[in-house]
Amino acid sequence: MADNVIFLNTDSTLDIPVERVLEDALKAGLDIALVAGRYEDGRFYLACSSCEIPLIVTLLELAKIRLLHQIDD
């Protein structure tokens, strides 16, 4: 990577490669991770590092709130 490239931690209206999203998540120092995605054939993928269902649901709801606020802006 070039030394003159600065990655801004902002929202984007363009698609970001899956690899970059996952690499950034690994570097973020998270204590819990939740990954949601879609296979090319349309099937849903979900994985979480926690086995606590209420926590997983909370993370999903927080993500939903954040996404809906971006749509309203």
N, C-alpha and C. Protein backbone atom coordinates (compact mmCIF):
# COMPACT_ATOMS: atom_id res chain seq x y z
N MET A 1 0.84 -1.18 0.00
CA MET A 1 0.00 0.00 0.00
C MET A 1 0.88 1.23 0.00
N ALA A 2 0.51 2.22 -0.76
CA ALA A 2 1.29 3.45 -0.86
C ALA A 2 1.26 4.24 0.44
N ASP A 3 2.36 4.90 0.74
CA ASP A 3 2.45 5.69 1.97
C ASP A 3 1.59 6.95 1.90
N ASN A 4 1.21 7.35 0.71
CA ASN A 4 0.43 8.58 0.58
C ASN A 4 -1.07 8.34 0.53
N VAL A 5 -1.51 7.12 0.84
CA VAL A 5 -2.93 6.80 0.84
C VAL A 5 -3.43 6.81 2.29
N ILE A 6 -4.51 7.54 2.51
CA ILE A 6 -5.11 7.61 3.84
C ILE A 6 -6.52 7.06 3.74
N PHE A 7 -6.81 6.03 4.56
CA PHE A 7 -8.15 5.47 4.59
C PHE A 7 -8.95 6.17 5.67
N LEU A 8 -10.06 6.74 5.29
CA LEU A 8 -10.93 7.43 6.23
C LEU A 8 -11.97 6.45 6.76
N ASN A 9 -12.21 6.48 8.04
CA ASN A 9 -13.20 5.60 8.66
C ASN A 9 -14.57 6.27 8.58
N THR A 10 -15.14 6.29 7.38
CA THR A 10 -16.42 6.94 7.16
C THR A 10 -17.35 6.00 6.42
N ASP A 11 -18.60 6.39 6.35
CA ASP A 11 -19.58 5.63 5.60
C ASP A 11 -19.35 5.86 4.11
N SER A 12 -19.76 4.92 3.29
CA SER A 12 -19.55 5.01 1.85
C SER A 12 -20.84 4.68 1.12
N THR A 13 -21.00 5.27 -0.03
CA THR A 13 -22.14 4.93 -0.87
C THR A 13 -21.72 3.95 -1.96
N LEU A 14 -20.45 3.55 -1.95
CA LEU A 14 -19.94 2.56 -2.90
C LEU A 14 -19.69 1.24 -2.18
N ASP A 15 -19.78 0.15 -2.91
CA ASP A 15 -19.46 -1.15 -2.32
C ASP A 15 -17.99 -1.22 -1.97
N ILE A 16 -17.69 -1.88 -0.86
CA ILE A 16 -16.32 -2.08 -0.39
C ILE A 16 -16.05 -3.58 -0.49
N PRO A 17 -14.88 -3.97 -0.98
CA PRO A 17 -14.58 -5.41 -1.09
C PRO A 17 -14.70 -6.12 0.27
N VAL A 18 -15.24 -7.33 0.24
CA VAL A 18 -15.43 -8.12 1.45
C VAL A 18 -14.12 -8.26 2.22
N GLU A 19 -13.04 -8.52 1.50
CA GLU A 19 -11.74 -8.71 2.14
C GLU A 19 -11.34 -7.50 2.98
N ARG A 20 -11.58 -6.32 2.44
CA ARG A 20 -11.21 -5.09 3.17
C ARG A 20 -12.05 -4.92 4.42
N VAL A 21 -13.35 -5.19 4.32
CA VAL A 21 -14.23 -5.07 5.49
C VAL A 21 -13.76 -6.02 6.59
N LEU A 22 -13.45 -7.27 6.22
CA LEU A 22 -13.01 -8.25 7.22
C LEU A 22 -11.64 -7.91 7.79
N GLU A 23 -10.73 -7.42 6.95
CA GLU A 23 -9.41 -7.01 7.44
C GLU A 23 -9.53 -5.85 8.42
N ASP A 24 -10.38 -4.87 8.10
CA ASP A 24 -10.59 -3.73 9.00
C ASP A 24 -11.19 -4.18 10.33
N ALA A 25 -12.09 -5.15 10.28
CA ALA A 25 -12.69 -5.68 11.51
C ALA A 25 -11.64 -6.37 12.37
N LEU A 26 -10.73 -7.10 11.75
CA LEU A 26 -9.66 -7.77 12.49
C LEU A 26 -8.75 -6.76 13.18
N LYS A 27 -8.53 -5.63 12.55
CA LYS A 27 -7.65 -4.59 13.10
C LYS A 27 -8.34 -3.71 14.14
N ALA A 28 -9.66 -3.81 14.26
CA ALA A 28 -10.43 -2.90 15.12
C ALA A 28 -10.32 -3.21 16.61
N GLY A 29 -9.79 -4.35 16.97
CA GLY A 29 -9.66 -4.69 18.38
C GLY A 29 -10.99 -5.03 19.05
N LEU A 30 -11.88 -5.64 18.31
CA LEU A 30 -13.21 -5.99 18.83
C LEU A 30 -13.11 -7.11 19.85
N ASP A 31 -13.99 -7.09 20.86
CA ASP A 31 -14.05 -8.23 21.78
C ASP A 31 -15.15 -9.20 21.37
N ILE A 32 -16.09 -8.75 20.54
CA ILE A 32 -17.14 -9.60 19.98
C ILE A 32 -17.32 -9.19 18.52
N ALA A 33 -17.47 -10.16 17.65
CA ALA A 33 -17.68 -9.86 16.23
C ALA A 33 -18.93 -10.58 15.73
N LEU A 34 -19.63 -9.91 14.84
CA LEU A 34 -20.82 -10.45 14.20
C LEU A 34 -20.66 -10.22 12.71
N VAL A 35 -20.76 -11.28 11.93
CA VAL A 35 -20.61 -11.18 10.48
C VAL A 35 -21.89 -11.65 9.83
N ALA A 36 -22.46 -10.79 9.02
CA ALA A 36 -23.65 -11.15 8.25
C ALA A 36 -23.30 -10.96 6.78
N GLY A 37 -23.77 -11.86 5.96
CA GLY A 37 -23.47 -11.74 4.54
C GLY A 37 -24.41 -12.56 3.69
N ARG A 38 -24.10 -12.55 2.41
CA ARG A 38 -24.92 -13.27 1.44
C ARG A 38 -24.01 -13.98 0.47
N TYR A 39 -24.27 -15.26 0.25
CA TYR A 39 -23.56 -16.02 -0.76
C TYR A 39 -24.02 -15.56 -2.14
N GLU A 40 -23.23 -15.89 -3.15
CA GLU A 40 -23.59 -15.52 -4.53
C GLU A 40 -24.93 -16.08 -4.95
N ASP A 41 -25.31 -17.23 -4.38
CA ASP A 41 -26.60 -17.84 -4.76
C ASP A 41 -27.77 -17.28 -3.95
N GLY A 42 -27.50 -16.26 -3.09
CA GLY A 42 -28.57 -15.59 -2.36
C GLY A 42 -28.80 -16.09 -0.95
N ARG A 43 -28.16 -17.20 -0.56
CA ARG A 43 -28.34 -17.70 0.81
C ARG A 43 -27.72 -16.74 1.81
N PHE A 44 -28.28 -16.71 3.01
CA PHE A 44 -27.84 -15.83 4.09
C PHE A 44 -26.75 -16.50 4.91
N TYR A 45 -25.76 -15.71 5.34
CA TYR A 45 -24.67 -16.20 6.19
C TYR A 45 -24.65 -15.35 7.46
N LEU A 46 -24.53 -16.01 8.62
CA LEU A 46 -24.42 -15.29 9.88
C LEU A 46 -23.49 -16.06 10.80
N ALA A 47 -22.53 -15.36 11.38
CA ALA A 47 -21.60 -15.96 12.34
C ALA A 47 -21.33 -14.93 13.42
N CYS A 48 -21.15 -15.41 14.64
CA CYS A 48 -20.86 -14.52 15.75
C CYS A 48 -19.86 -15.19 16.68
N SER A 49 -18.99 -14.39 17.28
CA SER A 49 -18.01 -14.93 18.20
C SER A 49 -18.58 -15.18 19.59
N SER A 50 -19.79 -14.72 19.82
CA SER A 50 -20.45 -14.92 21.11
C SER A 50 -21.58 -15.94 20.96
N CYS A 51 -21.79 -16.71 22.02
CA CYS A 51 -22.91 -17.66 22.00
C CYS A 51 -24.13 -17.10 22.74
N GLU A 52 -24.05 -15.85 23.21
CA GLU A 52 -25.15 -15.23 23.96
C GLU A 52 -26.18 -14.65 22.99
N ILE A 53 -27.28 -15.35 22.82
CA ILE A 53 -28.32 -14.95 21.87
C ILE A 53 -28.83 -13.53 22.13
N PRO A 54 -29.13 -13.13 23.38
CA PRO A 54 -29.60 -11.76 23.61
C PRO A 54 -28.58 -10.71 23.14
N LEU A 55 -27.30 -10.97 23.33
CA LEU A 55 -26.27 -10.04 22.89
C LEU A 55 -26.23 -9.96 21.37
N ILE A 56 -26.36 -11.10 20.71
CA ILE A 56 -26.36 -11.12 19.24
C ILE A 56 -27.55 -10.32 18.71
N VAL A 57 -28.71 -10.51 19.30
CA VAL A 57 -29.91 -9.77 18.87
C VAL A 57 -29.71 -8.27 19.11
N THR A 58 -29.10 -7.92 20.24
CA THR A 58 -28.83 -6.51 20.53
C THR A 58 -27.91 -5.91 19.48
N LEU A 59 -26.85 -6.62 19.12
CA LEU A 59 -25.94 -6.13 18.08
C LEU A 59 -26.66 -5.94 16.75
N LEU A 60 -27.53 -6.89 16.40
CA LEU A 60 -28.29 -6.77 15.16
C LEU A 60 -29.23 -5.57 15.19
N GLU A 61 -29.88 -5.36 16.32
CA GLU A 61 -30.80 -4.21 16.45
C GLU A 61 -30.04 -2.89 16.39
N LEU A 62 -28.86 -2.83 17.02
CA LEU A 62 -28.05 -1.61 16.96
C LEU A 62 -27.60 -1.33 15.52
N ALA A 63 -27.25 -2.40 14.80
CA ALA A 63 -26.87 -2.24 13.40
C ALA A 63 -28.06 -1.73 12.59
N LYS A 64 -29.24 -2.27 12.86
CA LYS A 64 -30.46 -1.84 12.15
C LYS A 64 -30.74 -0.36 12.41
N ILE A 65 -30.61 0.07 13.65
CA ILE A 65 -30.84 1.48 14.00
C ILE A 65 -29.86 2.37 13.25
N ARG A 66 -28.59 1.97 13.25
CA ARG A 66 -27.57 2.78 12.56
C ARG A 66 -27.87 2.88 11.08
N LEU A 67 -28.24 1.76 10.45
CA LEU A 67 -28.56 1.77 9.03
C LEU A 67 -29.78 2.64 8.73
N LEU A 68 -30.81 2.54 9.55
CA LEU A 68 -32.03 3.32 9.32
C LEU A 68 -31.76 4.82 9.49
N HIS A 69 -30.90 5.19 10.41
CA HIS A 69 -30.56 6.60 10.59
C HIS A 69 -29.79 7.13 9.39
N GLN A 70 -28.99 6.29 8.75
CA GLN A 70 -28.26 6.71 7.56
C GLN A 70 -29.24 6.95 6.41
N ILE A 71 -30.28 6.14 6.34
CA ILE A 71 -31.27 6.30 5.28
C ILE A 71 -32.06 7.60 5.48
N ASP A 72 -32.35 7.95 6.74
CA ASP A 72 -33.11 9.15 7.05
C ASP A 72 -32.31 10.42 6.80
N ASP A 73 -30.98 10.34 6.91
CA ASP A 73 -30.14 11.54 6.75
C ASP A 73 -30.13 12.07 5.35
